[in-house]
């Protein structure tokens, strides 16, 4: 199984039926929140925590199965361990080709812009956002990745959408809401992260 296939494989949450007008997903005791998560019945979700060399990662992931490449929406926090280099303080210095090169057989276009990423206290962290287009390393099919990155002290905050350009067009609203309503709680904002019930909070009917 290729790298892209492992990253985008189906999540374990199972299909969820759209019974509500707004669904907020609270993950990792409130460290990651998406205030308007996808509602379609085919979407699957998962919360993944993993530890690597020099970091601890938390990822909230929604996946819409499709062939040859599913659509994935992710919100992530990487916490760098003491003794390891912190993330770049200036997100504009991000080397997007280096980060995503292994997912593409070729990259035909990269667009980068300055933006911001929101914390749960309403603070706007300076961020950089890139859209990369090319062909996927696994399938050879067209692949688009949109990602926004910000950093604060030893933590990096990332919002990502990944799939074919056709899925981006068909689910533009889901993607835009994911990016506009994803919010994070930096560990420096509070002594301990807020204790919130993990999972889905639904409003409306």
C-alpha atoms as a PDB file:
ATOM      1  CA  UNK A   1       0.000   0.000   0.000  1.00  0.00           C
ATOM      2  CA  UNK A   2       1.439   3.375  -1.035  1.00  0.00           C
ATOM      3  CA  UNK A   3       2.005   6.365   1.224  1.00  0.00           C
ATOM      4  CA  UNK A   4      -0.992   8.285  -0.111  1.00  0.00           C
ATOM      5  CA  UNK A   5      -3.244   5.225   0.198  1.00  0.00           C
ATOM      6  CA  UNK A   6      -2.279   4.761   3.864  1.00  0.00           C
ATOM      7  CA  UNK A   7      -2.887   8.426   4.581  1.00  0.00           C
ATOM      8  CA  UNK A   8      -6.313   8.490   2.945  1.00  0.00           C
ATOM      9  CA  UNK A   9      -7.624   5.035   3.815  1.00  0.00           C
ATOM     10  CA  UNK A  10     -11.103   4.845   5.297  1.00  0.00           C
ATOM     11  CA  UNK A  11     -11.595   6.011   8.831  1.00  0.00           C
ATOM     12  CA  UNK A  12     -13.037   3.706  11.458  1.00  0.00           C
ATOM     13  CA  UNK A  13     -15.912   5.921  12.557  1.00  0.00           C
ATOM     14  CA  UNK A  14     -18.290   4.531   9.938  1.00  0.00           C
ATOM     15  CA  UNK A  15     -20.851   6.362   7.851  1.00  0.00           C
ATOM     16  CA  UNK A  16     -22.880   8.994   9.673  1.00  0.00           C
ATOM     17  CA  UNK A  17     -26.337  10.069   8.497  1.00  0.00           C
ATOM     18  CA  UNK A  18     -26.964  13.837   8.174  1.00  0.00           C
ATOM     19  CA  UNK A  19     -29.642  14.353  10.817  1.00  0.00           C
ATOM     20  CA  UNK A  20     -28.573  17.820  11.932  1.00  0.00           C
ATOM     21  CA  UNK A  21     -28.044  21.246  10.399  1.00  0.00           C
ATOM     22  CA  UNK A  22     -24.679  21.803  12.133  1.00  0.00           C
ATOM     23  CA  UNK A  23     -22.279  19.223  13.524  1.00  0.00           C
ATOM     24  CA  UNK A  24     -19.286  20.317  15.639  1.00  0.00           C
ATOM     25  CA  UNK A  25     -16.584  17.742  16.254  1.00  0.00           C
ATOM     26  CA  UNK A  26     -14.565  18.088  19.474  1.00  0.00           C
ATOM     27  CA  UNK A  27     -11.432  15.928  19.600  1.00  0.00           C
ATOM     28  CA  UNK A  28      -8.608  15.254  22.052  1.00  0.00           C
ATOM     29  CA  UNK A  29     -10.342  16.810  25.064  1.00  0.00           C
ATOM     30  CA  UNK A  30     -11.007  20.011  23.151  1.00  0.00           C
ATOM     31  CA  UNK A  31      -7.515  20.553  21.720  1.00  0.00           C
ATOM     32  CA  UNK A  32      -8.956  20.332  18.188  1.00  0.00           C
ATOM     33  CA  UNK A  33     -12.439  21.463  17.217  1.00  0.00           C
ATOM     34  CA  UNK A  34     -14.139  21.769  13.855  1.00  0.00           C
ATOM     35  CA  UNK A  35     -17.314  23.750  14.389  1.00  0.00           C
ATOM     36  CA  UNK A  36     -18.907  22.724  11.072  1.00  0.00           C
ATOM     37  CA  UNK A  37     -17.853  19.176  10.211  1.00  0.00           C
ATOM     38  CA  UNK A  38     -19.168  17.454   7.058  1.00  0.00           C
ATOM     39  CA  UNK A  39     -22.758  16.229   7.247  1.00  0.00           C
ATOM     40  CA  UNK A  40     -23.025  13.850   4.271  1.00  0.00           C
ATOM     41  CA  UNK A  41     -23.948  10.277   5.125  1.00  0.00           C
ATOM     42  CA  UNK A  42     -20.932   8.819   3.274  1.00  0.00           C
ATOM     43  CA  UNK A  43     -18.318  10.680   5.349  1.00  0.00           C
ATOM     44  CA  UNK A  44     -16.288   8.643   7.851  1.00  0.00           C
ATOM     45  CA  UNK A  45     -14.227  10.066  10.695  1.00  0.00           C
ATOM     46  CA  UNK A  46     -11.390   9.075  12.974  1.00  0.00           C
ATOM     47  CA  UNK A  47      -9.207  10.539  15.720  1.00  0.00           C
ATOM     48  CA  UNK A  48      -5.591   9.408  15.622  1.00  0.00           C
ATOM     49  CA  UNK A  49      -2.843  10.100  18.136  1.00  0.00           C
ATOM     50  CA  UNK A  50       0.670   8.941  17.402  1.00  0.00           C
ATOM     51  CA  UNK A  51       4.189   9.488  18.660  1.00  0.00           C
ATOM     52  CA  UNK A  52       7.204   9.772  16.389  1.00  0.00           C
ATOM     53  CA  UNK A  53      10.827  10.729  16.769  1.00  0.00           C
ATOM     54  CA  UNK A  54      10.748  14.144  18.355  1.00  0.00           C
ATOM     55  CA  UNK A  55       7.005  14.796  18.196  1.00  0.00           C
ATOM     56  CA  UNK A  56       3.529  13.817  19.327  1.00  0.00           C
ATOM     57  CA  UNK A  57       0.766  14.196  16.751  1.00  0.00           C
ATOM     58  CA  UNK A  58      -3.010  14.462  17.070  1.00  0.00           C
ATOM     59  CA  UNK A  59      -5.177  14.245  13.949  1.00  0.00           C
ATOM     60  CA  UNK A  60      -8.915  14.615  13.432  1.00  0.00           C
ATOM     61  CA  UNK A  61      -9.705  13.150  10.011  1.00  0.00           C
ATOM     62  CA  UNK A  62     -12.829  12.982   7.857  1.00  0.00           C
ATOM     63  CA  UNK A  63     -12.716  10.790   4.740  1.00  0.00           C
ATOM     64  CA  UNK A  64     -15.167  10.570   1.840  1.00  0.00           C
ATOM     65  CA  UNK A  65     -14.478   7.257   0.040  1.00  0.00           C
ATOM     66  CA  UNK A  66     -13.994   7.606  -3.711  1.00  0.00           C
ATOM     67  CA  UNK A  67     -11.982   6.012  -6.516  1.00  0.00           C
ATOM     68  CA  UNK A  68      -9.174   6.412  -7.447  1.00  0.00           C
ATOM     69  CA  UNK A  69      -8.539   8.851  -4.568  1.00  0.00           C
ATOM     70  CA  UNK A  70     -10.822   9.658  -1.611  1.00  0.00           C
ATOM     71  CA  UNK A  71     -11.343  13.164  -0.276  1.00  0.00           C
ATOM     72  CA  UNK A  72      -9.734  13.684   3.124  1.00  0.00           C
ATOM     73  CA  UNK A  73     -10.111  16.607   5.519  1.00  0.00           C
ATOM     74  CA  UNK A  74      -7.701  16.796   8.446  1.00  0.00           C
ATOM     75  CA  UNK A  75      -6.989  19.059  11.415  1.00  0.00           C
ATOM     76  CA  UNK A  76      -3.711  18.343  13.192  1.00  0.00           C
ATOM     77  CA  UNK A  77      -1.484  19.428  16.060  1.00  0.00           C
ATOM     78  CA  UNK A  78       2.169  18.426  16.200  1.00  0.00           C
ATOM     79  CA  UNK A  79       3.865  19.004  19.561  1.00  0.00           C
ATOM     80  CA  UNK A  80       7.656  18.994  19.333  1.00  0.00           C
ATOM     81  CA  UNK A  81       9.469  17.284  22.198  1.00  0.00           C
ATOM     82  CA  UNK A  82      12.152  19.090  24.242  1.00  0.00           C
ATOM     83  CA  UNK A  83      15.571  18.854  22.654  1.00  0.00           C
ATOM     84  CA  UNK A  84      14.250  18.838  19.081  1.00  0.00           C
ATOM     85  CA  UNK A  85      14.080  21.801  16.705  1.00  0.00           C
ATOM     86  CA  UNK A  86      10.766  23.673  16.978  1.00  0.00           C
ATOM     87  CA  UNK A  87       8.645  24.271  13.877  1.00  0.00           C
ATOM     88  CA  UNK A  88       9.552  27.321  11.767  1.00  0.00           C
ATOM     89  CA  UNK A  89       8.302  30.474  13.485  1.00  0.00           C
ATOM     90  CA  UNK A  90       7.480  31.963  10.082  1.00  0.00           C
ATOM     91  CA  UNK A  91       5.053  29.689   8.184  1.00  0.00           C
ATOM     92  CA  UNK A  92       5.988  31.498   4.964  1.00  0.00           C
ATOM     93  CA  UNK A  93       9.288  29.582   5.116  1.00  0.00           C
ATOM     94  CA  UNK A  94       7.480  26.252   4.614  1.00  0.00           C
ATOM     95  CA  UNK A  95       8.981  24.148   1.810  1.00  0.00           C
ATOM     96  CA  UNK A  96       5.762  22.740   0.347  1.00  0.00           C
ATOM     97  CA  UNK A  97       7.519  20.760  -2.372  1.00  0.00           C
ATOM     98  CA  UNK A  98       9.661  18.972   0.186  1.00  0.00           C
ATOM     99  CA  UNK A  99       6.707  18.186   2.454  1.00  0.00           C
ATOM    100  CA  UNK A 100       4.376  16.851  -0.242  1.00  0.00           C
ATOM    101  CA  UNK A 101       6.829  15.629  -2.858  1.00  0.00           C
ATOM    102  CA  UNK A 102       6.466  11.955  -1.805  1.00  0.00           C
ATOM    103  CA  UNK A 103       2.679  12.113  -2.420  1.00  0.00           C
ATOM    104  CA  UNK A 104       3.066  13.250  -6.022  1.00  0.00           C
ATOM    105  CA  UNK A 105       4.658  11.703  -9.080  1.00  0.00           C
ATOM    106  CA  UNK A 106       4.826  15.274 -10.380  1.00  0.00           C
ATOM    107  CA  UNK A 107       3.777  18.696  -9.083  1.00  0.00           C
ATOM    108  CA  UNK A 108       2.496  20.992 -11.814  1.00  0.00           C
ATOM    109  CA  UNK A 109       1.485  24.038  -9.777  1.00  0.00           C
ATOM    110  CA  UNK A 110       1.943  25.516  -6.284  1.00  0.00           C
ATOM    111  CA  UNK A 111       0.044  28.590  -5.082  1.00  0.00           C
ATOM    112  CA  UNK A 112       0.909  30.095  -1.692  1.00  0.00           C
ATOM    113  CA  UNK A 113      -0.715  32.924   0.240  1.00  0.00           C
ATOM    114  CA  UNK A 114      -0.503  34.472   3.695  1.00  0.00           C
ATOM    115  CA  UNK A 115      -3.532  33.932   5.939  1.00  0.00           C
ATOM    116  CA  UNK A 116      -4.286  33.129   9.583  1.00  0.00           C
ATOM    117  CA  UNK A 117      -5.348  30.191  11.726  1.00  0.00           C
ATOM    118  CA  UNK A 118      -7.720  30.608  14.679  1.00  0.00           C
ATOM    119  CA  UNK A 119      -7.378  29.479  18.287  1.00  0.00           C
ATOM    120  CA  UNK A 120     -10.367  28.813  20.544  1.00  0.00           C
ATOM    121  CA  UNK A 121      -9.690  32.088  22.358  1.00  0.00           C
ATOM    122  CA  UNK A 122     -10.135  33.949  19.067  1.00  0.00           C
ATOM    123  CA  UNK A 123      -6.449  34.652  18.528  1.00  0.00           C
ATOM    124  CA  UNK A 124      -5.445  34.727  14.848  1.00  0.00           C
ATOM    125  CA  UNK A 125      -2.065  33.059  14.364  1.00  0.00           C
ATOM    126  CA  UNK A 126      -0.102  34.076  11.250  1.00  0.00           C
ATOM    127  CA  UNK A 127      -0.315  31.215   8.770  1.00  0.00           C
ATOM    128  CA  UNK A 128       0.621  30.208   5.262  1.00  0.00           C
ATOM    129  CA  UNK A 129      -1.687  28.324   2.933  1.00  0.00           C
ATOM    130  CA  UNK A 130      -0.721  26.404  -0.183  1.00  0.00           C
ATOM    131  CA  UNK A 131      -2.625  24.652  -2.952  1.00  0.00           C
ATOM    132  CA  UNK A 132      -0.637  22.055  -4.852  1.00  0.00           C
ATOM    133  CA  UNK A 133      -1.777  20.346  -8.048  1.00  0.00           C
ATOM    134  CA  UNK A 134      -0.213  17.408  -9.813  1.00  0.00           C
ATOM    135  CA  UNK A 135      -0.499  13.654 -10.192  1.00  0.00           C
ATOM    136  CA  UNK A 136      -0.627  11.279  -7.260  1.00  0.00           C
ATOM    137  CA  UNK A 137       2.316   8.978  -6.674  1.00  0.00           C
ATOM    138  CA  UNK A 138       0.045   5.987  -6.029  1.00  0.00           C
ATOM    139  CA  UNK A 139      -2.639   6.240  -8.699  1.00  0.00           C
ATOM    140  CA  UNK A 140      -1.191   8.632 -11.259  1.00  0.00           C
ATOM    141  CA  UNK A 141      -4.567  10.400 -11.157  1.00  0.00           C
ATOM    142  CA  UNK A 142      -4.898  14.177 -10.683  1.00  0.00           C
ATOM    143  CA  UNK A 143      -4.321  15.152  -7.038  1.00  0.00           C
ATOM    144  CA  UNK A 144      -4.902  18.445  -5.230  1.00  0.00           C
ATOM    145  CA  UNK A 145      -3.737  19.306  -1.718  1.00  0.00           C
ATOM    146  CA  UNK A 146      -4.758  22.435   0.171  1.00  0.00           C
ATOM    147  CA  UNK A 147      -3.005  23.027   3.468  1.00  0.00           C
ATOM    148  CA  UNK A 148      -2.780  25.826   6.033  1.00  0.00           C
ATOM    149  CA  UNK A 149       0.010  25.894   8.638  1.00  0.00           C
ATOM    150  CA  UNK A 150       0.731  28.018  11.705  1.00  0.00           C
ATOM    151  CA  UNK A 151       3.142  27.609  14.601  1.00  0.00           C
ATOM    152  CA  UNK A 152       3.314  28.791  18.195  1.00  0.00           C
ATOM    153  CA  UNK A 153       6.296  27.944  20.373  1.00  0.00           C
ATOM    154  CA  UNK A 154       6.745  24.151  20.227  1.00  0.00           C
ATOM    155  CA  UNK A 155       3.446  23.399  18.476  1.00  0.00           C
ATOM    156  CA  UNK A 156       2.422  23.355  14.822  1.00  0.00           C
ATOM    157  CA  UNK A 157      -1.240  23.601  13.760  1.00  0.00           C
ATOM    158  CA  UNK A 158      -2.301  22.259  10.366  1.00  0.00           C
ATOM    159  CA  UNK A 159      -5.546  22.142   8.376  1.00  0.00           C
ATOM    160  CA  UNK A 160      -5.577  20.007   5.223  1.00  0.00           C
ATOM    161  CA  UNK A 161      -7.806  18.939   2.355  1.00  0.00           C
ATOM    162  CA  UNK A 162      -6.604  16.276  -0.069  1.00  0.00           C
ATOM    163  CA  UNK A 163      -8.281  14.636  -3.066  1.00  0.00           C
ATOM    164  CA  UNK A 164      -8.947  14.985  -6.777  1.00  0.00           C
ATOM    165  CA  UNK A 165      -9.795  18.393  -8.289  1.00  0.00           C
ATOM    166  CA  UNK A 166     -13.247  17.008  -9.160  1.00  0.00           C
ATOM    167  CA  UNK A 167     -13.951  16.183  -5.509  1.00  0.00           C
ATOM    168  CA  UNK A 168     -12.673  19.609  -4.483  1.00  0.00           C
ATOM    169  CA  UNK A 169     -15.204  21.197  -6.836  1.00  0.00           C
ATOM    170  CA  UNK A 170     -18.078  18.938  -5.787  1.00  0.00           C
ATOM    171  CA  UNK A 171     -17.448  19.467  -2.050  1.00  0.00           C
ATOM    172  CA  UNK A 172     -16.167  23.046  -2.081  1.00  0.00           C
ATOM    173  CA  UNK A 173     -18.584  24.016   0.691  1.00  0.00           C
ATOM    174  CA  UNK A 174     -17.442  21.216   2.998  1.00  0.00           C
ATOM    175  CA  UNK A 175     -13.808  22.126   2.406  1.00  0.00           C
ATOM    176  CA  UNK A 176     -14.322  25.858   2.959  1.00  0.00           C
ATOM    177  CA  UNK A 177     -16.290  25.242   6.173  1.00  0.00           C
ATOM    178  CA  UNK A 178     -13.566  22.876   7.413  1.00  0.00           C
ATOM    179  CA  UNK A 179     -10.910  25.541   6.900  1.00  0.00           C
ATOM    180  CA  UNK A 180     -12.980  28.417   8.259  1.00  0.00           C
ATOM    181  CA  UNK A 181     -14.250  26.664  11.419  1.00  0.00           C
ATOM    182  CA  UNK A 182     -11.254  24.541  12.481  1.00  0.00           C
ATOM    183  CA  UNK A 183      -9.918  25.884  15.787  1.00  0.00           C
ATOM    184  CA  UNK A 184      -7.164  24.826  18.168  1.00  0.00           C
ATOM    185  CA  UNK A 185      -6.154  25.251  21.796  1.00  0.00           C
ATOM    186  CA  UNK A 186      -2.390  25.881  22.041  1.00  0.00           C
ATOM    187  CA  UNK A 187      -0.922  24.352  25.148  1.00  0.00           C
ATOM    188  CA  UNK A 188       0.489  27.786  26.031  1.00  0.00           C
ATOM    189  CA  UNK A 189      -3.021  29.283  26.239  1.00  0.00           C
ATOM    190  CA  UNK A 190      -4.018  27.250  29.270  1.00  0.00           C
ATOM    191  CA  UNK A 191      -2.371  25.230  32.032  1.00  0.00           C
ATOM    192  CA  UNK A 192      -4.280  22.150  30.894  1.00  0.00           C
ATOM    193  CA  UNK A 193      -6.339  21.735  27.782  1.00  0.00           C
ATOM    194  CA  UNK A 194     -10.101  22.244  28.323  1.00  0.00           C
ATOM    195  CA  UNK A 195     -11.958  19.144  29.371  1.00  0.00           C
ATOM    196  CA  UNK A 196     -14.613  18.672  26.716  1.00  0.00           C
ATOM    197  CA  UNK A 197     -16.523  15.569  25.774  1.00  0.00           C
ATOM    198  CA  UNK A 198     -14.741  14.136  22.719  1.00  0.00           C
ATOM    199  CA  UNK A 199     -16.855  13.400  19.692  1.00  0.00           C
ATOM    200  CA  UNK A 200     -19.710  15.074  17.890  1.00  0.00           C
ATOM    201  CA  UNK A 201     -21.909  17.886  19.130  1.00  0.00           C
ATOM    202  CA  UNK A 202     -24.969  18.395  16.941  1.00  0.00           C
ATOM    203  CA  UNK A 203     -27.272  21.374  16.661  1.00  0.00           C
ATOM    204  CA  UNK A 204     -30.474  21.772  14.687  1.00  0.00           C
ATOM    205  CA  UNK A 205     -32.620  19.112  13.143  1.00  0.00           C
END
